């Protein structure tokens, strides 16, 4: 099984197989098995509760940037939100809370940014010595 890395504005995810080819930005149509577009499905209808069908989870923001970092670590998000994130997310999306600016447009360096670990931004690694306050969501296949 081939693993693919996709990078688009504000979206980074790892996925395997045809599900990766069907992932699209919020607000767009989803493709069916034959590659045809289904009716537009509002983002709120595609949110995943970790037990249902595939889709994006809701947005999570577990803390405000501490004096040293912003931690949106998957292990801590799972503890604080039991049953809300699937066992094996294959994608992650991050944005600045309140501004909706995709993480990829901030030019910040992330110590961790993966669907398996979540997002960690350390102040010491930034040019201005300060991380934005991020929120993340995960793609659950």
N, C-alpha and C. Protein backbone atom coordinates (compact mmCIF):
# COMPACT_ATOMS: atom_id res chain seq x y z
N UNK A 1 0.85 -1.17 0.00
CA UNK A 1 0.00 0.00 0.00
C UNK A 1 0.90 1.23 0.00
N UNK A 2 0.67 2.12 -0.92
CA UNK A 2 1.48 3.33 -1.04
C UNK A 2 0.95 4.41 -0.11
N UNK A 3 1.86 5.11 0.53
CA UNK A 3 1.51 6.25 1.38
C UNK A 3 1.84 7.51 0.59
N UNK A 4 0.90 8.45 0.57
CA UNK A 4 1.10 9.68 -0.17
C UNK A 4 1.08 10.85 0.79
N UNK A 5 1.91 11.85 0.53
CA UNK A 5 1.91 13.09 1.30
C UNK A 5 1.33 14.18 0.43
N UNK A 6 0.28 14.82 0.92
CA UNK A 6 -0.37 15.90 0.20
C UNK A 6 -0.12 17.20 0.95
N UNK A 7 0.24 18.26 0.24
CA UNK A 7 0.42 19.56 0.85
C UNK A 7 -0.29 20.58 0.00
N UNK A 8 -1.32 21.20 0.55
CA UNK A 8 -2.01 22.28 -0.11
C UNK A 8 -2.11 23.42 0.88
N UNK A 9 -2.52 24.55 0.46
CA UNK A 9 -2.61 25.70 1.34
C UNK A 9 -3.49 25.36 2.53
N UNK A 10 -2.88 25.40 3.72
CA UNK A 10 -3.61 25.18 4.95
C UNK A 10 -3.95 23.74 5.25
N UNK A 11 -3.46 22.81 4.45
CA UNK A 11 -3.85 21.43 4.65
C UNK A 11 -2.66 20.52 4.41
N UNK A 12 -2.35 19.71 5.39
CA UNK A 12 -1.31 18.71 5.24
C UNK A 12 -1.90 17.41 5.74
N UNK A 13 -1.81 16.37 4.93
CA UNK A 13 -2.30 15.09 5.41
C UNK A 13 -1.60 13.95 4.72
N UNK A 14 -1.53 12.84 5.45
CA UNK A 14 -0.99 11.60 4.91
C UNK A 14 -2.18 10.68 4.72
N UNK A 15 -2.17 9.96 3.65
CA UNK A 15 -3.27 9.04 3.42
C UNK A 15 -2.82 7.92 2.52
N UNK A 16 -3.56 6.84 2.57
CA UNK A 16 -3.26 5.70 1.73
C UNK A 16 -4.47 5.38 0.87
N UNK A 17 -4.22 4.94 -0.35
CA UNK A 17 -5.30 4.48 -1.21
C UNK A 17 -6.14 5.60 -1.78
N UNK A 18 -7.33 5.22 -2.28
CA UNK A 18 -8.18 6.16 -3.00
C UNK A 18 -8.85 7.19 -2.12
N UNK A 19 -8.95 6.95 -0.82
CA UNK A 19 -9.58 7.95 0.05
C UNK A 19 -8.83 9.27 -0.02
N UNK A 20 -7.52 9.22 -0.15
CA UNK A 20 -6.73 10.45 -0.23
C UNK A 20 -7.09 11.26 -1.46
N UNK A 21 -7.39 10.57 -2.54
CA UNK A 21 -7.71 11.26 -3.78
C UNK A 21 -9.06 11.98 -3.69
N UNK A 22 -9.90 11.56 -2.74
CA UNK A 22 -11.22 12.16 -2.63
C UNK A 22 -11.30 13.28 -1.61
N UNK A 23 -10.24 13.46 -0.83
CA UNK A 23 -10.27 14.53 0.17
C UNK A 23 -10.25 15.87 -0.53
N UNK A 24 -11.13 16.74 -0.13
CA UNK A 24 -11.18 18.07 -0.73
C UNK A 24 -11.36 19.10 0.35
N UNK A 25 -11.10 20.35 0.03
CA UNK A 25 -11.23 21.43 0.99
C UNK A 25 -12.67 21.58 1.46
N UNK A 26 -12.83 22.15 2.64
CA UNK A 26 -14.14 22.39 3.24
C UNK A 26 -15.04 23.17 2.29
N UNK A 27 -16.31 22.76 2.21
CA UNK A 27 -17.28 23.46 1.39
C UNK A 27 -17.35 22.94 -0.04
N UNK A 28 -16.49 22.03 -0.42
CA UNK A 28 -16.53 21.51 -1.78
C UNK A 28 -17.30 20.20 -1.80
N UNK A 29 -17.55 19.68 -2.99
CA UNK A 29 -18.27 18.41 -3.12
C UNK A 29 -17.35 17.25 -2.80
N UNK A 30 -17.93 16.14 -2.44
CA UNK A 30 -17.18 14.91 -2.22
C UNK A 30 -17.42 14.01 -3.43
N UNK A 31 -16.41 13.26 -3.83
CA UNK A 31 -16.56 12.37 -4.98
C UNK A 31 -17.02 10.99 -4.50
N UNK A 32 -17.83 10.33 -5.32
CA UNK A 32 -18.26 8.99 -4.98
C UNK A 32 -17.28 7.98 -5.58
N UNK A 33 -17.55 6.69 -5.42
CA UNK A 33 -16.64 5.65 -5.89
C UNK A 33 -16.34 5.73 -7.39
N UNK A 34 -17.28 6.20 -8.20
CA UNK A 34 -17.06 6.31 -9.64
C UNK A 34 -16.38 7.62 -10.01
N UNK A 35 -16.02 8.44 -9.01
CA UNK A 35 -15.35 9.70 -9.28
C UNK A 35 -16.30 10.83 -9.62
N UNK A 36 -17.61 10.57 -9.55
CA UNK A 36 -18.58 11.62 -9.85
C UNK A 36 -18.84 12.44 -8.61
N UNK A 37 -19.15 13.71 -8.81
CA UNK A 37 -19.42 14.60 -7.69
C UNK A 37 -20.80 14.30 -7.12
N UNK A 38 -20.87 14.20 -5.80
CA UNK A 38 -22.17 14.09 -5.15
C UNK A 38 -22.66 15.49 -4.86
N UNK A 39 -23.87 15.59 -4.36
CA UNK A 39 -24.40 16.91 -4.04
C UNK A 39 -23.53 17.56 -2.98
N UNK A 40 -23.44 18.88 -3.00
CA UNK A 40 -22.66 19.58 -1.99
C UNK A 40 -23.18 19.24 -0.61
N UNK A 41 -22.24 18.90 0.27
CA UNK A 41 -22.59 18.55 1.63
C UNK A 41 -21.98 19.60 2.54
N UNK A 42 -22.78 20.30 3.33
CA UNK A 42 -22.22 21.32 4.22
C UNK A 42 -21.19 20.71 5.16
N UNK A 43 -20.16 21.48 5.49
CA UNK A 43 -19.08 20.98 6.34
C UNK A 43 -19.60 20.42 7.66
N UNK A 44 -20.60 21.07 8.25
CA UNK A 44 -21.10 20.59 9.54
C UNK A 44 -21.73 19.21 9.44
N UNK A 45 -22.18 18.82 8.26
CA UNK A 45 -22.76 17.49 8.07
C UNK A 45 -21.68 16.43 7.87
N UNK A 46 -20.44 16.88 7.52
CA UNK A 46 -19.36 15.94 7.27
C UNK A 46 -18.47 15.75 8.49
N UNK A 47 -18.80 16.35 9.61
CA UNK A 47 -17.98 16.23 10.81
C UNK A 47 -18.08 14.81 11.34
N UNK A 48 -16.96 14.29 11.74
CA UNK A 48 -16.85 12.90 12.18
C UNK A 48 -16.92 12.83 13.70
N UNK A 49 -17.67 11.88 14.24
CA UNK A 49 -17.72 11.70 15.68
C UNK A 49 -16.87 10.53 16.15
N UNK A 50 -15.97 10.06 15.30
CA UNK A 50 -15.04 8.96 15.56
C UNK A 50 -15.70 7.59 15.55
N UNK A 51 -17.00 7.55 15.50
CA UNK A 51 -17.69 6.26 15.44
C UNK A 51 -18.51 6.13 14.17
N UNK A 52 -18.72 7.23 13.46
CA UNK A 52 -19.56 7.22 12.28
C UNK A 52 -18.74 7.13 11.00
N UNK A 53 -19.25 7.76 9.96
CA UNK A 53 -18.58 7.70 8.66
C UNK A 53 -17.37 8.62 8.63
N UNK A 54 -16.60 8.52 7.57
CA UNK A 54 -15.38 9.30 7.47
C UNK A 54 -15.66 10.78 7.27
N UNK A 55 -14.69 11.60 7.66
CA UNK A 55 -14.79 13.04 7.51
C UNK A 55 -13.91 13.77 8.49
N UNK A 56 -14.00 15.08 8.48
CA UNK A 56 -13.23 15.91 9.40
C UNK A 56 -13.89 15.94 10.77
N UNK A 57 -13.08 15.94 11.81
CA UNK A 57 -13.58 16.16 13.17
C UNK A 57 -13.92 17.64 13.30
N UNK A 58 -14.46 18.02 14.43
CA UNK A 58 -14.65 19.45 14.70
C UNK A 58 -13.27 20.05 14.99
N UNK A 59 -13.20 21.36 15.09
CA UNK A 59 -11.94 22.05 15.42
C UNK A 59 -11.69 21.92 16.93
N UNK A 60 -10.42 21.67 17.30
CA UNK A 60 -10.01 21.57 18.69
C UNK A 60 -8.95 22.61 18.99
N UNK A 61 -9.07 23.25 20.15
CA UNK A 61 -8.05 24.19 20.64
C UNK A 61 -7.92 23.91 22.13
N UNK A 62 -6.91 23.15 22.50
CA UNK A 62 -6.82 22.70 23.89
C UNK A 62 -6.18 23.72 24.83
N UNK A 63 -5.43 24.66 24.31
CA UNK A 63 -4.83 25.67 25.18
C UNK A 63 -4.54 26.95 24.42
N UNK A 64 -4.27 27.98 25.18
CA UNK A 64 -3.78 29.22 24.59
C UNK A 64 -2.26 29.09 24.57
N UNK A 65 -1.60 29.83 23.70
CA UNK A 65 -0.14 29.71 23.69
C UNK A 65 0.43 30.00 25.08
N UNK A 66 1.19 29.06 25.58
CA UNK A 66 1.85 29.24 26.86
C UNK A 66 3.00 30.23 26.68
N UNK A 67 3.68 30.57 27.74
CA UNK A 67 4.83 31.46 27.56
C UNK A 67 5.91 30.87 26.66
N UNK A 68 5.83 29.55 26.40
CA UNK A 68 6.88 28.92 25.60
C UNK A 68 6.39 28.24 24.33
N UNK A 69 5.09 27.92 24.23
CA UNK A 69 4.63 27.13 23.09
C UNK A 69 3.10 27.06 23.01
N UNK A 70 2.63 26.54 21.86
CA UNK A 70 1.21 26.19 21.69
C UNK A 70 1.17 24.69 21.42
N UNK A 71 0.52 23.94 22.32
CA UNK A 71 0.45 22.49 22.22
C UNK A 71 -0.96 22.05 21.84
N UNK A 72 -1.09 21.50 20.65
CA UNK A 72 -2.34 20.88 20.20
C UNK A 72 -2.02 19.41 19.91
N UNK A 73 -1.42 18.76 20.90
CA UNK A 73 -0.94 17.38 20.76
C UNK A 73 -2.12 16.42 20.73
N UNK A 74 -2.08 15.47 19.79
CA UNK A 74 -3.17 14.51 19.62
C UNK A 74 -3.44 13.71 20.89
N UNK A 75 -2.40 13.26 21.58
CA UNK A 75 -2.61 12.44 22.78
C UNK A 75 -3.37 13.22 23.85
N UNK A 76 -3.07 14.49 24.02
CA UNK A 76 -3.77 15.31 25.01
C UNK A 76 -5.18 15.68 24.56
N UNK A 77 -5.35 15.91 23.25
CA UNK A 77 -6.69 16.20 22.72
C UNK A 77 -7.61 15.00 22.93
N UNK A 78 -7.09 13.79 22.78
CA UNK A 78 -7.90 12.59 22.99
C UNK A 78 -8.33 12.44 24.44
N UNK A 79 -7.42 12.77 25.37
CA UNK A 79 -7.75 12.68 26.79
C UNK A 79 -8.85 13.68 27.14
N UNK A 80 -8.75 14.89 26.60
CA UNK A 80 -9.70 15.94 26.91
C UNK A 80 -11.01 15.82 26.13
N UNK A 81 -11.01 15.03 25.05
CA UNK A 81 -12.21 14.87 24.20
C UNK A 81 -12.43 13.40 23.88
N UNK A 82 -12.76 12.59 24.91
CA UNK A 82 -12.90 11.15 24.67
C UNK A 82 -13.95 10.81 23.62
N UNK A 83 -13.56 9.93 22.69
CA UNK A 83 -14.48 9.46 21.66
C UNK A 83 -14.71 10.43 20.51
N UNK A 84 -14.02 11.55 20.48
CA UNK A 84 -14.25 12.56 19.45
C UNK A 84 -13.23 12.52 18.31
N UNK A 85 -12.15 11.74 18.47
CA UNK A 85 -11.12 11.63 17.43
C UNK A 85 -10.88 10.14 17.19
N UNK A 86 -10.91 9.74 15.94
CA UNK A 86 -10.75 8.33 15.59
C UNK A 86 -9.37 7.81 16.02
N UNK A 87 -9.23 6.49 16.00
CA UNK A 87 -7.98 5.86 16.42
C UNK A 87 -6.80 6.15 15.51
N UNK A 88 -7.07 6.26 14.21
CA UNK A 88 -5.98 6.44 13.25
C UNK A 88 -6.30 7.54 12.24
N UNK A 89 -6.23 8.80 12.67
CA UNK A 89 -6.49 9.87 11.69
C UNK A 89 -5.44 9.84 10.59
N UNK A 90 -5.87 10.15 9.38
CA UNK A 90 -4.92 10.16 8.25
C UNK A 90 -4.66 11.57 7.75
N UNK A 91 -5.27 12.57 8.37
CA UNK A 91 -5.04 13.94 7.95
C UNK A 91 -5.17 14.91 9.10
N UNK A 92 -4.53 16.05 8.94
CA UNK A 92 -4.62 17.12 9.94
C UNK A 92 -4.73 18.45 9.20
N UNK A 93 -5.48 19.35 9.76
CA UNK A 93 -5.59 20.70 9.23
C UNK A 93 -5.47 21.63 10.44
N UNK A 94 -4.76 22.73 10.27
CA UNK A 94 -4.56 23.68 11.36
C UNK A 94 -4.76 25.10 10.85
N UNK A 95 -5.28 25.94 11.75
CA UNK A 95 -5.49 27.34 11.40
C UNK A 95 -5.34 28.19 12.66
N UNK A 96 -5.10 29.48 12.45
CA UNK A 96 -5.00 30.41 13.58
C UNK A 96 -6.41 30.63 14.11
N UNK A 97 -6.57 30.42 15.39
CA UNK A 97 -7.88 30.57 16.02
C UNK A 97 -8.36 32.03 15.91
N UNK A 98 -9.61 32.18 15.51
CA UNK A 98 -10.21 33.50 15.42
C UNK A 98 -9.94 34.23 14.12
N UNK A 99 -8.89 33.84 13.41
CA UNK A 99 -8.55 34.48 12.14
C UNK A 99 -8.80 33.56 10.95
N UNK A 100 -8.85 32.25 11.21
CA UNK A 100 -9.02 31.23 10.18
C UNK A 100 -7.89 31.22 9.16
N UNK A 101 -6.75 31.80 9.50
CA UNK A 101 -5.59 31.77 8.61
C UNK A 101 -4.98 30.38 8.66
N UNK A 102 -4.83 29.71 7.51
CA UNK A 102 -4.21 28.38 7.51
C UNK A 102 -2.80 28.43 8.10
N UNK A 103 -2.42 27.41 8.84
CA UNK A 103 -1.10 27.35 9.46
C UNK A 103 0.01 27.51 8.44
N UNK A 104 -0.20 27.00 7.23
CA UNK A 104 0.83 27.08 6.19
C UNK A 104 1.11 28.51 5.74
N UNK A 105 0.19 29.43 6.04
CA UNK A 105 0.38 30.82 5.63
C UNK A 105 1.01 31.68 6.73
N UNK A 106 1.29 31.11 7.89
CA UNK A 106 1.85 31.89 9.00
C UNK A 106 3.36 31.99 8.94
N UNK A 107 3.99 31.11 8.19
CA UNK A 107 5.45 31.05 8.11
C UNK A 107 6.11 30.66 9.43
N UNK A 108 5.34 30.01 10.28
CA UNK A 108 5.90 29.54 11.54
C UNK A 108 6.45 28.13 11.36
N UNK A 109 7.43 27.78 12.20
CA UNK A 109 8.04 26.46 12.19
C UNK A 109 7.33 25.62 13.24
N UNK A 110 6.95 24.39 12.88
CA UNK A 110 6.25 23.50 13.80
C UNK A 110 7.14 22.32 14.16
N UNK A 111 7.30 22.10 15.45
CA UNK A 111 8.09 20.97 15.93
C UNK A 111 7.37 19.67 15.55
N UNK A 112 6.05 19.68 15.67
CA UNK A 112 5.22 18.54 15.25
C UNK A 112 4.04 19.09 14.46
N UNK A 113 3.73 18.43 13.36
CA UNK A 113 2.55 18.77 12.57
C UNK A 113 2.23 17.54 11.73
N UNK A 114 1.48 16.63 12.34
CA UNK A 114 1.13 15.39 11.65
C UNK A 114 -0.18 14.85 12.21
N UNK A 115 -0.87 14.03 11.42
CA UNK A 115 -2.12 13.45 11.91
C UNK A 115 -1.90 12.45 13.04
N UNK A 116 -0.66 12.01 13.24
CA UNK A 116 -0.36 11.03 14.28
C UNK A 116 0.05 11.68 15.60
N UNK A 117 0.49 12.95 15.54
CA UNK A 117 0.96 13.62 16.75
C UNK A 117 0.24 14.93 17.05
N UNK A 118 -0.40 15.53 16.07
CA UNK A 118 -1.02 16.83 16.26
C UNK A 118 -0.06 17.95 15.89
N UNK A 119 -0.22 19.10 16.54
CA UNK A 119 0.60 20.27 16.23
C UNK A 119 1.27 20.78 17.50
N UNK A 120 2.56 21.07 17.39
CA UNK A 120 3.31 21.71 18.47
C UNK A 120 4.15 22.82 17.86
N UNK A 121 3.98 24.02 18.39
CA UNK A 121 4.71 25.20 17.94
C UNK A 121 5.48 25.76 19.14
N UNK A 122 6.79 25.84 19.02
CA UNK A 122 7.63 26.36 20.11
C UNK A 122 8.00 27.82 19.83
N UNK A 123 7.79 28.68 20.82
CA UNK A 123 8.10 30.10 20.67
C UNK A 123 9.56 30.33 20.27
N UNK A 124 10.46 29.58 20.87
CA UNK A 124 11.89 29.78 20.63
C UNK A 124 12.30 29.56 19.18
N UNK A 125 11.49 28.86 18.40
CA UNK A 125 11.81 28.58 17.00
C UNK A 125 11.25 29.61 16.03
N UNK A 126 10.57 30.61 16.55
CA UNK A 126 9.93 31.60 15.68
C UNK A 126 10.79 32.86 15.60
N UNK A 127 10.74 33.53 14.47
CA UNK A 127 11.51 34.76 14.30
C UNK A 127 11.10 35.83 15.31
N UNK A 128 9.80 35.92 15.59
CA UNK A 128 9.32 36.91 16.56
C UNK A 128 9.21 36.34 17.97
N UNK A 129 9.69 35.10 18.17
CA UNK A 129 9.71 34.41 19.47
C UNK A 129 8.32 34.18 20.06
N UNK A 130 7.30 34.08 19.17
CA UNK A 130 5.93 33.90 19.65
C UNK A 130 5.13 33.08 18.65
N UNK A 131 4.46 32.04 19.14
CA UNK A 131 3.57 31.23 18.31
C UNK A 131 2.17 31.83 18.32
N UNK A 132 1.48 31.65 17.21
CA UNK A 132 0.06 31.99 17.15
C UNK A 132 -0.72 30.97 17.99
N UNK A 133 -1.99 31.25 18.23
CA UNK A 133 -2.87 30.31 18.91
C UNK A 133 -3.57 29.49 17.83
N UNK A 134 -3.26 28.20 17.75
CA UNK A 134 -3.79 27.35 16.69
C UNK A 134 -4.94 26.48 17.17
N UNK A 135 -5.77 26.09 16.21
CA UNK A 135 -6.76 25.05 16.42
C UNK A 135 -6.56 24.04 15.30
N UNK A 136 -6.86 22.78 15.60
CA UNK A 136 -6.62 21.70 14.65
C UNK A 136 -7.87 20.83 14.50
N UNK A 137 -7.93 20.12 13.38
CA UNK A 137 -8.93 19.09 13.19
C UNK A 137 -8.27 17.96 12.42
N UNK A 138 -8.89 16.79 12.49
CA UNK A 138 -8.30 15.57 11.94
C UNK A 138 -9.24 14.92 10.94
N UNK A 139 -8.65 14.30 9.91
CA UNK A 139 -9.42 13.54 8.93
C UNK A 139 -9.47 12.09 9.41
N UNK A 140 -10.67 11.59 9.58
CA UNK A 140 -10.87 10.21 10.01
C UNK A 140 -11.43 9.41 8.84
N UNK A 141 -10.66 8.44 8.35
CA UNK A 141 -11.10 7.65 7.19
C UNK A 141 -12.25 6.70 7.53
